[in-house]
Amino acid sequence: MQSAWPAAVGEAIAREATPVTERSGVVTVACSSSAWAQELDFLGSQILEKIRPDLPSETPLEGLRFIIATDPV
């Protein structure tokens, strides 16, 4: 996921949001602010469509969860 993230979202978004954990097919993405978390939540389905083809077939990706980073992204 880490290597596929910048290509799926672009470098500008990758600077503001980073995948940090995965559990049961849901990837948690730490965002630099609540505004970024909200915006990416709206774009979640589009991001999933872009990133799924770049992941190994044995990596089921069911969803994305966006949170505000406690440390700078």
Protein backbone atom coordinates (compact mmCIF):
# COMPACT_ATOMS: atom_id res chain seq x y z
CA MET A 1 0.00 0.00 0.00
CA GLN A 2 2.78 2.44 0.89
CA SER A 3 4.40 2.20 -2.53
CA ALA A 4 1.10 2.38 -4.44
CA TRP A 5 -0.26 5.35 -2.47
CA PRO A 6 1.57 8.27 -4.19
CA ALA A 7 0.73 6.99 -7.67
CA ALA A 8 -2.95 6.59 -6.75
CA VAL A 9 -3.45 9.97 -5.08
CA GLY A 10 -0.68 12.14 -6.52
CA GLU A 11 2.28 13.71 -4.77
CA ALA A 12 0.40 16.70 -3.37
CA ILE A 13 -2.06 14.49 -1.48
CA ALA A 14 0.66 12.00 -0.53
CA ARG A 15 2.47 14.85 1.26
CA GLU A 16 -0.65 15.48 3.37
CA ALA A 17 -1.88 11.93 3.97
CA THR A 18 -0.11 8.63 4.61
CA PRO A 19 -1.44 5.08 5.05
CA VAL A 20 -0.49 3.94 8.55
CA THR A 21 -2.30 0.68 9.30
CA GLU A 22 -4.45 -2.01 7.73
CA ARG A 23 -6.94 -4.21 9.51
CA SER A 24 -9.52 -6.51 7.99
CA GLY A 25 -9.18 -4.90 4.58
CA VAL A 26 -9.57 -1.33 5.83
CA VAL A 27 -6.57 0.96 5.54
CA THR A 28 -6.29 3.84 7.99
CA VAL A 29 -4.79 6.96 6.47
CA ALA A 30 -3.33 9.67 8.73
CA CYS A 31 -4.00 13.17 7.37
CA SER A 32 -2.28 16.43 8.26
CA SER A 33 -5.58 18.18 9.11
CA SER A 34 -9.29 17.61 9.52
CA ALA A 35 -9.89 19.39 6.21
CA TRP A 36 -7.71 16.84 4.40
CA ALA A 37 -9.38 13.95 6.21
CA GLN A 38 -12.83 15.22 5.21
CA GLU A 39 -11.86 15.88 1.59
CA LEU A 40 -10.25 12.47 1.18
CA ASP A 41 -13.24 10.81 2.78
CA PHE A 42 -15.36 12.30 -0.03
CA LEU A 43 -12.85 10.97 -2.58
CA GLY A 44 -12.50 7.56 -0.91
CA SER A 45 -14.29 5.49 -3.55
CA GLN A 46 -12.27 7.12 -6.37
CA ILE A 47 -9.02 6.47 -4.51
CA LEU A 48 -10.01 2.82 -4.00
CA GLU A 49 -10.65 2.42 -7.73
CA LYS A 50 -7.21 3.82 -8.54
CA ILE A 51 -5.24 1.89 -5.94
CA ARG A 52 -6.78 -1.60 -6.15
CA PRO A 53 -5.16 -2.53 -9.50
CA ASP A 54 -1.71 -1.74 -8.06
CA LEU A 55 -2.09 -4.08 -5.08
CA PRO A 56 -1.32 -7.81 -5.05
CA SER A 57 -4.44 -9.93 -5.62
CA GLU A 58 -4.05 -11.48 -2.16
CA THR A 59 -4.42 -8.02 -0.59
CA PRO A 60 -8.17 -7.43 -0.22
CA LEU A 61 -8.89 -3.72 0.14
CA GLU A 62 -12.41 -3.10 1.42
CA GLY A 63 -12.18 0.54 2.41
CA LEU A 64 -10.24 3.56 3.60
CA ARG A 65 -10.55 5.33 6.93
CA PHE A 66 -9.18 8.85 7.27
CA ILE A 67 -7.99 10.23 10.59
CA ILE A 68 -6.10 13.31 11.76
CA ALA A 69 -2.44 12.52 12.35
CA THR A 70 -1.19 12.95 15.89
CA ASP A 71 2.33 13.50 14.53
CA PRO A 72 3.10 15.51 11.40
CA VAL A 73 2.57 13.47 8.22
